[in-house]
């Protein structure tokens, strides 16, 4: 994989600051960022999402920001205009359904494999993992999405966001049922994945859960 993937656990801006700085460094002050807020169900919140994104990243010298409120009428080739794509939080099932319907799941996979940078926060991080059922304890599947496979850009792991130690039992149950190892990320932690491997970037540890136990990254 030539590209870079950043996964945030879903906290506030102050919780993800170290990961945000890594993202801003990779993109560079002249880089163009594409922001996808449409994991949010209520489209009326999109402008507040834009304001949040600008307030968060302008101090880090990321100001060249384009926001798509949907994937309708957009094409794969447009991704090549951007150094990075940022996928915000909301409902992971709804987000994955929109990517699958539009074909942007495959477009984004190619984008990363060709060297692009993708940052997923909360639901955005989940869909970059292997399997969406890692979020079934948090997000309602009100659309009855049958597909559980995600984009698998997280080194083969499912992504568990908003992680707390009390989730350990749920994670072990998930691994037993789904046969997928897990990257668990708290609201104050983050993970970056590139061709050098997996690194934790945050104020708290991130963990890998597999058949052999729990391991700090």
C-alpha atoms as a PDB file:
ATOM      1  CA  UNK A   1       0.000   0.000   0.000  1.00  0.00           C
ATOM      2  CA  UNK A   2       1.526   3.295  -1.121  1.00  0.00           C
ATOM      3  CA  UNK A   3      -0.953   5.514   0.696  1.00  0.00           C
ATOM      4  CA  UNK A   4      -1.518   6.423   4.311  1.00  0.00           C
ATOM      5  CA  UNK A   5      -4.514   5.687   6.550  1.00  0.00           C
ATOM      6  CA  UNK A   6      -5.305   7.495   9.806  1.00  0.00           C
ATOM      7  CA  UNK A   7      -7.898   6.176  12.259  1.00  0.00           C
ATOM      8  CA  UNK A   8      -9.338   8.276  15.094  1.00  0.00           C
ATOM      9  CA  UNK A   9     -11.350   6.859  17.955  1.00  0.00           C
ATOM     10  CA  UNK A  10     -14.057   9.499  17.852  1.00  0.00           C
ATOM     11  CA  UNK A  11     -13.214  12.088  20.499  1.00  0.00           C
ATOM     12  CA  UNK A  12     -13.241  15.881  20.423  1.00  0.00           C
ATOM     13  CA  UNK A  13     -10.702  18.041  18.596  1.00  0.00           C
ATOM     14  CA  UNK A  14      -8.445  18.271  21.638  1.00  0.00           C
ATOM     15  CA  UNK A  15      -8.441  14.463  21.918  1.00  0.00           C
ATOM     16  CA  UNK A  16      -7.231  13.919  18.344  1.00  0.00           C
ATOM     17  CA  UNK A  17      -4.769  16.830  18.197  1.00  0.00           C
ATOM     18  CA  UNK A  18      -1.647  14.671  17.843  1.00  0.00           C
ATOM     19  CA  UNK A  19      -3.242  12.646  15.042  1.00  0.00           C
ATOM     20  CA  UNK A  20      -4.521  15.826  13.381  1.00  0.00           C
ATOM     21  CA  UNK A  21      -0.987  17.248  13.415  1.00  0.00           C
ATOM     22  CA  UNK A  22       0.317  14.092  11.736  1.00  0.00           C
ATOM     23  CA  UNK A  23      -2.397  14.411   9.086  1.00  0.00           C
ATOM     24  CA  UNK A  24      -1.634  18.096   8.485  1.00  0.00           C
ATOM     25  CA  UNK A  25       2.084  17.356   8.189  1.00  0.00           C
ATOM     26  CA  UNK A  26       1.490  14.662   5.576  1.00  0.00           C
ATOM     27  CA  UNK A  27      -0.897  16.818   3.542  1.00  0.00           C
ATOM     28  CA  UNK A  28       1.213  19.976   3.713  1.00  0.00           C
ATOM     29  CA  UNK A  29       0.045  23.615   3.780  1.00  0.00           C
ATOM     30  CA  UNK A  30      -0.595  23.666   0.026  1.00  0.00           C
ATOM     31  CA  UNK A  31      -2.433  20.352  -0.034  1.00  0.00           C
ATOM     32  CA  UNK A  32      -6.096  20.034  -0.964  1.00  0.00           C
ATOM     33  CA  UNK A  33      -8.366  18.097   1.424  1.00  0.00           C
ATOM     34  CA  UNK A  34     -11.733  16.580   0.521  1.00  0.00           C
ATOM     35  CA  UNK A  35     -14.114  16.378   3.493  1.00  0.00           C
ATOM     36  CA  UNK A  36     -17.012  13.887   3.604  1.00  0.00           C
ATOM     37  CA  UNK A  37     -19.470  14.620   6.470  1.00  0.00           C
ATOM     38  CA  UNK A  38     -22.353  12.510   5.169  1.00  0.00           C
ATOM     39  CA  UNK A  39     -22.138   9.774   7.792  1.00  0.00           C
ATOM     40  CA  UNK A  40     -24.336  12.292   9.585  1.00  0.00           C
ATOM     41  CA  UNK A  41     -27.982  11.438   9.038  1.00  0.00           C
ATOM     42  CA  UNK A  42     -29.290  15.003   9.359  1.00  0.00           C
ATOM     43  CA  UNK A  43     -28.065  16.978   6.349  1.00  0.00           C
ATOM     44  CA  UNK A  44     -28.891  20.220   8.158  1.00  0.00           C
ATOM     45  CA  UNK A  45     -25.787  19.698  10.271  1.00  0.00           C
ATOM     46  CA  UNK A  46     -23.433  19.754   7.273  1.00  0.00           C
ATOM     47  CA  UNK A  47     -22.664  23.476   7.512  1.00  0.00           C
ATOM     48  CA  UNK A  48     -21.833  23.111  11.196  1.00  0.00           C
ATOM     49  CA  UNK A  49     -19.569  20.226  10.168  1.00  0.00           C
ATOM     50  CA  UNK A  50     -17.797  22.525   7.726  1.00  0.00           C
ATOM     51  CA  UNK A  51     -17.329  25.125  10.464  1.00  0.00           C
ATOM     52  CA  UNK A  52     -15.933  22.488  12.835  1.00  0.00           C
ATOM     53  CA  UNK A  53     -13.524  21.176  10.231  1.00  0.00           C
ATOM     54  CA  UNK A  54     -12.248  24.646   9.411  1.00  0.00           C
ATOM     55  CA  UNK A  55     -11.845  25.601  13.076  1.00  0.00           C
ATOM     56  CA  UNK A  56      -9.969  22.365  13.764  1.00  0.00           C
ATOM     57  CA  UNK A  57      -7.558  22.340  10.851  1.00  0.00           C
ATOM     58  CA  UNK A  58      -6.984  26.006   9.941  1.00  0.00           C
ATOM     59  CA  UNK A  59      -4.649  26.430  12.953  1.00  0.00           C
ATOM     60  CA  UNK A  60      -2.668  23.462  11.540  1.00  0.00           C
ATOM     61  CA  UNK A  61      -2.299  25.268   8.179  1.00  0.00           C
ATOM     62  CA  UNK A  62      -4.879  23.177   6.329  1.00  0.00           C
ATOM     63  CA  UNK A  63      -7.134  25.703   4.638  1.00  0.00           C
ATOM     64  CA  UNK A  64      -7.686  24.338   1.125  1.00  0.00           C
ATOM     65  CA  UNK A  65     -10.806  22.349   1.961  1.00  0.00           C
ATOM     66  CA  UNK A  66     -13.605  21.084  -0.279  1.00  0.00           C
ATOM     67  CA  UNK A  67     -16.725  19.488   1.218  1.00  0.00           C
ATOM     68  CA  UNK A  68     -19.029  17.085  -0.593  1.00  0.00           C
ATOM     69  CA  UNK A  69     -22.415  16.740   1.095  1.00  0.00           C
ATOM     70  CA  UNK A  70     -23.142  13.612  -0.974  1.00  0.00           C
ATOM     71  CA  UNK A  71     -21.504  11.377  -3.570  1.00  0.00           C
ATOM     72  CA  UNK A  72     -24.197  12.014  -6.159  1.00  0.00           C
ATOM     73  CA  UNK A  73     -22.874  13.363  -9.449  1.00  0.00           C
ATOM     74  CA  UNK A  74     -19.226  12.888  -8.437  1.00  0.00           C
ATOM     75  CA  UNK A  75     -16.722  10.702 -10.271  1.00  0.00           C
ATOM     76  CA  UNK A  76     -13.715   8.631  -9.273  1.00  0.00           C
ATOM     77  CA  UNK A  77     -11.331  10.867 -11.227  1.00  0.00           C
ATOM     78  CA  UNK A  78     -12.175  13.799  -8.962  1.00  0.00           C
ATOM     79  CA  UNK A  79     -10.329  12.146  -6.087  1.00  0.00           C
ATOM     80  CA  UNK A  80      -7.057  12.705  -7.932  1.00  0.00           C
ATOM     81  CA  UNK A  81      -7.440  16.460  -7.332  1.00  0.00           C
ATOM     82  CA  UNK A  82      -6.894  15.974  -3.593  1.00  0.00           C
ATOM     83  CA  UNK A  83      -3.932  15.072  -1.422  1.00  0.00           C
ATOM     84  CA  UNK A  84      -6.251  13.627   1.235  1.00  0.00           C
ATOM     85  CA  UNK A  85      -9.819  12.571   2.034  1.00  0.00           C
ATOM     86  CA  UNK A  86     -11.275  13.084   5.524  1.00  0.00           C
ATOM     87  CA  UNK A  87     -14.313  10.949   6.442  1.00  0.00           C
ATOM     88  CA  UNK A  88     -16.244  12.191   9.445  1.00  0.00           C
ATOM     89  CA  UNK A  89     -18.307  10.400  12.065  1.00  0.00           C
ATOM     90  CA  UNK A  90     -21.986   9.539  12.273  1.00  0.00           C
ATOM     91  CA  UNK A  91     -23.744   6.277  11.477  1.00  0.00           C
ATOM     92  CA  UNK A  92     -21.341   3.725  10.011  1.00  0.00           C
ATOM     93  CA  UNK A  93     -24.062   1.620   8.370  1.00  0.00           C
ATOM     94  CA  UNK A  94     -25.499   4.580   6.493  1.00  0.00           C
ATOM     95  CA  UNK A  95     -22.026   5.704   5.471  1.00  0.00           C
ATOM     96  CA  UNK A  96     -21.014   2.294   4.127  1.00  0.00           C
ATOM     97  CA  UNK A  97     -24.298   1.990   2.219  1.00  0.00           C
ATOM     98  CA  UNK A  98     -23.641   5.301   0.453  1.00  0.00           C
ATOM     99  CA  UNK A  99     -20.129   4.225  -0.528  1.00  0.00           C
ATOM    100  CA  UNK A 100     -21.321   0.859  -1.834  1.00  0.00           C
ATOM    101  CA  UNK A 101     -24.214   2.345  -3.814  1.00  0.00           C
ATOM    102  CA  UNK A 102     -22.009   4.968  -5.480  1.00  0.00           C
ATOM    103  CA  UNK A 103     -19.001   2.739  -6.099  1.00  0.00           C
ATOM    104  CA  UNK A 104     -16.812   5.070  -4.065  1.00  0.00           C
ATOM    105  CA  UNK A 105     -15.776   2.165  -1.860  1.00  0.00           C
ATOM    106  CA  UNK A 106     -13.712   0.819  -4.745  1.00  0.00           C
ATOM    107  CA  UNK A 107     -12.653   4.292  -5.861  1.00  0.00           C
ATOM    108  CA  UNK A 108     -11.306   5.052  -2.380  1.00  0.00           C
ATOM    109  CA  UNK A 109      -9.449   1.742  -2.185  1.00  0.00           C
ATOM    110  CA  UNK A 110      -7.706   2.543  -5.456  1.00  0.00           C
ATOM    111  CA  UNK A 111      -7.006   6.089  -4.274  1.00  0.00           C
ATOM    112  CA  UNK A 112      -5.138   4.836  -1.206  1.00  0.00           C
ATOM    113  CA  UNK A 113      -3.286   2.124  -3.084  1.00  0.00           C
ATOM    114  CA  UNK A 114      -2.115   4.793  -5.522  1.00  0.00           C
ATOM    115  CA  UNK A 115      -0.655   6.915  -2.717  1.00  0.00           C
ATOM    116  CA  UNK A 116      -3.577   8.927  -1.348  1.00  0.00           C
ATOM    117  CA  UNK A 117      -4.126   9.813   2.310  1.00  0.00           C
ATOM    118  CA  UNK A 118      -7.401   8.917   4.051  1.00  0.00           C
ATOM    119  CA  UNK A 119      -8.352   9.964   7.594  1.00  0.00           C
ATOM    120  CA  UNK A 120     -11.392   8.335   9.192  1.00  0.00           C
ATOM    121  CA  UNK A 121     -12.922   9.535  12.445  1.00  0.00           C
ATOM    122  CA  UNK A 122     -15.309   7.276  14.398  1.00  0.00           C
ATOM    123  CA  UNK A 123     -17.705   5.888  11.732  1.00  0.00           C
ATOM    124  CA  UNK A 124     -15.199   7.010   9.112  1.00  0.00           C
ATOM    125  CA  UNK A 125     -12.562   4.856  10.794  1.00  0.00           C
ATOM    126  CA  UNK A 126     -14.875   1.845  11.103  1.00  0.00           C
ATOM    127  CA  UNK A 127     -15.608   1.663   7.379  1.00  0.00           C
ATOM    128  CA  UNK A 128     -11.876   1.738   6.627  1.00  0.00           C
ATOM    129  CA  UNK A 129     -11.529  -1.493   8.587  1.00  0.00           C
ATOM    130  CA  UNK A 130     -12.503  -5.012   7.588  1.00  0.00           C
ATOM    131  CA  UNK A 131     -15.980  -5.510   9.014  1.00  0.00           C
ATOM    132  CA  UNK A 132     -18.723  -3.106  10.071  1.00  0.00           C
ATOM    133  CA  UNK A 133     -20.116  -5.297  12.856  1.00  0.00           C
ATOM    134  CA  UNK A 134     -17.401  -3.941  15.145  1.00  0.00           C
ATOM    135  CA  UNK A 135     -19.731  -0.971  15.628  1.00  0.00           C
ATOM    136  CA  UNK A 136     -22.979  -2.910  16.127  1.00  0.00           C
ATOM    137  CA  UNK A 137     -22.979  -2.127  19.863  1.00  0.00           C
ATOM    138  CA  UNK A 138     -22.988   1.627  19.095  1.00  0.00           C
ATOM    139  CA  UNK A 139     -24.766   2.304  15.799  1.00  0.00           C
ATOM    140  CA  UNK A 140     -28.288   1.195  14.871  1.00  0.00           C
ATOM    141  CA  UNK A 141     -28.568  -0.573  11.517  1.00  0.00           C
ATOM    142  CA  UNK A 142     -31.872   1.118  10.724  1.00  0.00           C
ATOM    143  CA  UNK A 143     -31.429   0.620   6.981  1.00  0.00           C
ATOM    144  CA  UNK A 144     -30.962  -3.147   7.447  1.00  0.00           C
ATOM    145  CA  UNK A 145     -27.674  -3.147   5.565  1.00  0.00           C
ATOM    146  CA  UNK A 146     -26.864  -6.797   4.829  1.00  0.00           C
ATOM    147  CA  UNK A 147     -23.288  -6.230   3.639  1.00  0.00           C
ATOM    148  CA  UNK A 148     -20.779  -6.292   6.487  1.00  0.00           C
ATOM    149  CA  UNK A 149     -17.516  -6.070   4.548  1.00  0.00           C
ATOM    150  CA  UNK A 150     -15.850  -2.685   4.701  1.00  0.00           C
ATOM    151  CA  UNK A 151     -12.958  -1.245   2.667  1.00  0.00           C
ATOM    152  CA  UNK A 152     -10.243  -3.305   4.413  1.00  0.00           C
ATOM    153  CA  UNK A 153      -7.636  -0.529   4.429  1.00  0.00           C
ATOM    154  CA  UNK A 154      -6.585  -1.129   8.051  1.00  0.00           C
ATOM    155  CA  UNK A 155      -4.023  -3.911   7.527  1.00  0.00           C
ATOM    156  CA  UNK A 156      -6.697  -6.604   7.687  1.00  0.00           C
ATOM    157  CA  UNK A 157      -8.149  -5.524  11.051  1.00  0.00           C
ATOM    158  CA  UNK A 158     -11.670  -4.527  11.990  1.00  0.00           C
ATOM    159  CA  UNK A 159     -11.727  -1.126  13.709  1.00  0.00           C
ATOM    160  CA  UNK A 160     -13.306  -0.656  17.150  1.00  0.00           C
ATOM    161  CA  UNK A 161     -13.871   3.013  18.000  1.00  0.00           C
ATOM    162  CA  UNK A 162     -14.751   4.806  21.253  1.00  0.00           C
ATOM    163  CA  UNK A 163     -12.876   1.980  22.962  1.00  0.00           C
ATOM    164  CA  UNK A 164     -13.007   1.592  26.756  1.00  0.00           C
ATOM    165  CA  UNK A 165     -11.516  -1.239  28.820  1.00  0.00           C
ATOM    166  CA  UNK A 166     -15.042  -2.425  29.628  1.00  0.00           C
ATOM    167  CA  UNK A 167     -15.346  -3.330  25.928  1.00  0.00           C
ATOM    168  CA  UNK A 168     -12.756  -6.113  26.198  1.00  0.00           C
ATOM    169  CA  UNK A 169     -15.365  -8.803  26.738  1.00  0.00           C
ATOM    170  CA  UNK A 170     -17.427  -7.571  23.777  1.00  0.00           C
ATOM    171  CA  UNK A 171     -14.345  -7.509  21.558  1.00  0.00           C
ATOM    172  CA  UNK A 172     -13.397 -11.080  22.459  1.00  0.00           C
ATOM    173  CA  UNK A 173     -16.970 -12.156  21.703  1.00  0.00           C
ATOM    174  CA  UNK A 174     -16.800 -10.342  18.357  1.00  0.00           C
ATOM    175  CA  UNK A 175     -13.521 -12.062  17.421  1.00  0.00           C
ATOM    176  CA  UNK A 176     -14.956 -15.460  18.308  1.00  0.00           C
ATOM    177  CA  UNK A 177     -18.047 -14.860  16.181  1.00  0.00           C
ATOM    178  CA  UNK A 178     -16.551 -12.968  13.229  1.00  0.00           C
ATOM    179  CA  UNK A 179     -13.002 -14.409  13.082  1.00  0.00           C
ATOM    180  CA  UNK A 180     -11.525 -10.911  12.587  1.00  0.00           C
ATOM    181  CA  UNK A 181      -8.762  -9.393  14.681  1.00  0.00           C
ATOM    182  CA  UNK A 182      -9.434  -5.873  15.951  1.00  0.00           C
ATOM    183  CA  UNK A 183      -7.691  -2.527  16.324  1.00  0.00           C
ATOM    184  CA  UNK A 184      -9.274  -0.829  19.357  1.00  0.00           C
ATOM    185  CA  UNK A 185      -8.972   2.961  19.568  1.00  0.00           C
ATOM    186  CA  UNK A 186     -10.171   5.133  22.438  1.00  0.00           C
ATOM    187  CA  UNK A 187     -11.421   8.692  21.991  1.00  0.00           C
ATOM    188  CA  UNK A 188      -7.987  10.007  22.996  1.00  0.00           C
ATOM    189  CA  UNK A 189      -5.962   7.705  20.788  1.00  0.00           C
ATOM    190  CA  UNK A 190      -5.365   7.222  17.095  1.00  0.00           C
ATOM    191  CA  UNK A 191      -3.570   4.926  14.689  1.00  0.00           C
ATOM    192  CA  UNK A 192      -1.663   5.510  11.461  1.00  0.00           C
ATOM    193  CA  UNK A 193      -1.054   2.785   8.882  1.00  0.00           C
ATOM    194  CA  UNK A 194       1.381   3.072   5.990  1.00  0.00           C
ATOM    195  CA  UNK A 195       3.982   0.950   4.251  1.00  0.00           C
ATOM    196  CA  UNK A 196       6.127   0.965   7.401  1.00  0.00           C
ATOM    197  CA  UNK A 197       3.426  -0.671   9.517  1.00  0.00           C
ATOM    198  CA  UNK A 198       1.030   0.400  12.287  1.00  0.00           C
ATOM    199  CA  UNK A 199       1.764   3.153  14.806  1.00  0.00           C
ATOM    200  CA  UNK A 200      -0.273   4.578  17.677  1.00  0.00           C
ATOM    201  CA  UNK A 201      -0.502   8.380  17.766  1.00  0.00           C
ATOM    202  CA  UNK A 202      -2.411   9.876  20.673  1.00  0.00           C
ATOM    203  CA  UNK A 203      -2.690  10.561  24.368  1.00  0.00           C
ATOM    204  CA  UNK A 204      -3.749   7.009  25.259  1.00  0.00           C
ATOM    205  CA  UNK A 205      -2.637   3.604  23.969  1.00  0.00           C
ATOM    206  CA  UNK A 206      -4.319   1.777  21.119  1.00  0.00           C
ATOM    207  CA  UNK A 207      -4.583  -2.010  21.117  1.00  0.00           C
ATOM    208  CA  UNK A 208      -4.712  -5.016  18.845  1.00  0.00           C
ATOM    209  CA  UNK A 209      -6.990  -7.867  19.899  1.00  0.00           C
ATOM    210  CA  UNK A 210      -6.508 -11.259  18.275  1.00  0.00           C
ATOM    211  CA  UNK A 211      -6.758 -14.949  19.135  1.00  0.00           C
ATOM    212  CA  UNK A 212      -3.644 -14.604  21.260  1.00  0.00           C
ATOM    213  CA  UNK A 213      -4.928 -11.798  23.471  1.00  0.00           C
ATOM    214  CA  UNK A 214      -4.675  -8.016  23.817  1.00  0.00           C
ATOM    215  CA  UNK A 215      -1.518  -6.194  22.709  1.00  0.00           C
ATOM    216  CA  UNK A 216      -0.636  -2.525  23.011  1.00  0.00           C
ATOM    217  CA  UNK A 217       0.414  -0.967  19.708  1.00  0.00           C
END
